[in-house]
Amino acid sequence: MMASMGELVNVDSPQEVADKVMFYYTHPKEAKRMRENAKEKVIEKYSVERVARQHKEMFRKLSQE
């Protein structure tokens, strides 16, 4: 089963890195799907609104200490 947003490879293995690059080069639909999933996750997790809420909550907790 393929990862939905990315894959880990051993950076000390040039062959493993090359194999993954070539896989996505030769499977553009899979590469597009992974890009779209990753972009969606980043927008969801790091939206301005969400980060602002997290900071607001952090400052609220700190001010109560």
C-alpha atoms as a PDB file:
ATOM      1  CA  MET A   1       0.000   0.000   0.000  1.00  0.00           C
ATOM      2  CA  MET A   2       1.333   3.434  -0.915  1.00  0.00           C
ATOM      3  CA  ALA A   3       1.621   6.241   1.594  1.00  0.00           C
ATOM      4  CA  SER A   4      -1.007   8.923   1.234  1.00  0.00           C
ATOM      5  CA  MET A   5       1.197  12.007   1.685  1.00  0.00           C
ATOM      6  CA  GLY A   6       4.782  10.951   1.352  1.00  0.00           C
ATOM      7  CA  GLU A   7       7.244   8.186   1.872  1.00  0.00           C
ATOM      8  CA  LEU A   8      10.349   7.793   3.935  1.00  0.00           C
ATOM      9  CA  VAL A   9      13.480   6.543   2.289  1.00  0.00           C
ATOM     10  CA  ASN A  10      16.907   5.839   3.662  1.00  0.00           C
ATOM     11  CA  VAL A  11      18.930   8.891   2.637  1.00  0.00           C
ATOM     12  CA  ASP A  12      22.090   6.831   3.015  1.00  0.00           C
ATOM     13  CA  SER A  13      20.884   4.607   0.173  1.00  0.00           C
ATOM     14  CA  PRO A  14      21.200   6.379  -3.172  1.00  0.00           C
ATOM     15  CA  GLN A  15      19.526   3.429  -4.847  1.00  0.00           C
ATOM     16  CA  GLU A  16      16.471   3.619  -2.600  1.00  0.00           C
ATOM     17  CA  VAL A  17      16.147   7.370  -3.194  1.00  0.00           C
ATOM     18  CA  ALA A  18      16.575   6.907  -6.949  1.00  0.00           C
ATOM     19  CA  ASP A  19      14.016   4.104  -7.010  1.00  0.00           C
ATOM     20  CA  LYS A  20      11.403   6.286  -5.290  1.00  0.00           C
ATOM     21  CA  VAL A  21      12.101   9.260  -7.555  1.00  0.00           C
ATOM     22  CA  MET A  22      11.789   7.051 -10.611  1.00  0.00           C
ATOM     23  CA  PHE A  23       8.575   5.476  -9.308  1.00  0.00           C
ATOM     24  CA  TYR A  24       6.855   8.846  -9.044  1.00  0.00           C
ATOM     25  CA  TYR A  25       8.377  10.033 -12.315  1.00  0.00           C
ATOM     26  CA  THR A  26       6.886   7.016 -14.083  1.00  0.00           C
ATOM     27  CA  HIS A  27       3.571   7.147 -12.154  1.00  0.00           C
ATOM     28  CA  PRO A  28       2.388  10.757 -12.517  1.00  0.00           C
ATOM     29  CA  LYS A  29      -1.163  10.004 -11.315  1.00  0.00           C
ATOM     30  CA  GLU A  30       0.194   8.599  -8.058  1.00  0.00           C
ATOM     31  CA  ALA A  31       2.547  11.588  -7.683  1.00  0.00           C
ATOM     32  CA  LYS A  32      -0.369  13.986  -8.236  1.00  0.00           C
ATOM     33  CA  ARG A  33      -2.521  12.153  -5.696  1.00  0.00           C
ATOM     34  CA  MET A  34       0.249  12.334  -3.120  1.00  0.00           C
ATOM     35  CA  ARG A  35       0.851  16.062  -3.782  1.00  0.00           C
ATOM     36  CA  GLU A  36      -2.852  16.809  -3.400  1.00  0.00           C
ATOM     37  CA  ASN A  37      -3.112  14.827  -0.142  1.00  0.00           C
ATOM     38  CA  ALA A  38      -0.044  16.526   1.291  1.00  0.00           C
ATOM     39  CA  LYS A  39      -1.259  20.000   0.312  1.00  0.00           C
ATOM     40  CA  GLU A  40      -4.655  19.342   1.898  1.00  0.00           C
ATOM     41  CA  LYS A  41      -3.010  18.181   5.128  1.00  0.00           C
ATOM     42  CA  VAL A  42      -0.728  21.233   5.293  1.00  0.00           C
ATOM     43  CA  ILE A  43      -3.648  23.608   4.729  1.00  0.00           C
ATOM     44  CA  GLU A  44      -5.691  21.776   7.375  1.00  0.00           C
ATOM     45  CA  LYS A  45      -2.918  21.617   9.956  1.00  0.00           C
ATOM     46  CA  TYR A  46      -1.212  24.959   9.385  1.00  0.00           C
ATOM     47  CA  SER A  47      -3.970  27.341   8.337  1.00  0.00           C
ATOM     48  CA  VAL A  48      -3.663  30.874   9.681  1.00  0.00           C
ATOM     49  CA  GLU A  49      -6.874  30.402  11.647  1.00  0.00           C
ATOM     50  CA  ARG A  50      -5.734  27.183  13.287  1.00  0.00           C
ATOM     51  CA  VAL A  51      -2.281  28.487  14.180  1.00  0.00           C
ATOM     52  CA  ALA A  52      -3.853  31.676  15.585  1.00  0.00           C
ATOM     53  CA  ARG A  53      -6.208  29.592  17.765  1.00  0.00           C
ATOM     54  CA  GLN A  54      -3.301  27.486  19.005  1.00  0.00           C
ATOM     55  CA  HIS A  55      -1.274  30.574  19.892  1.00  0.00           C
ATOM     56  CA  LYS A  56      -4.253  32.195  21.601  1.00  0.00           C
ATOM     57  CA  GLU A  57      -4.777  29.065  23.708  1.00  0.00           C
ATOM     58  CA  MET A  58      -1.078  28.855  24.555  1.00  0.00           C
ATOM     59  CA  PHE A  59      -0.994  32.507  25.675  1.00  0.00           C
ATOM     60  CA  ARG A  60      -4.181  31.996  27.703  1.00  0.00           C
ATOM     61  CA  LYS A  61      -2.622  29.047  29.524  1.00  0.00           C
ATOM     62  CA  LEU A  62       0.629  30.914  30.122  1.00  0.00           C
ATOM     63  CA  SER A  63      -1.195  33.917  31.543  1.00  0.00           C
ATOM     64  CA  GLN A  64      -2.908  31.684  34.115  1.00  0.00           C
ATOM     65  CA  GLU A  65       0.370  30.409  35.541  1.00  0.00           C
END
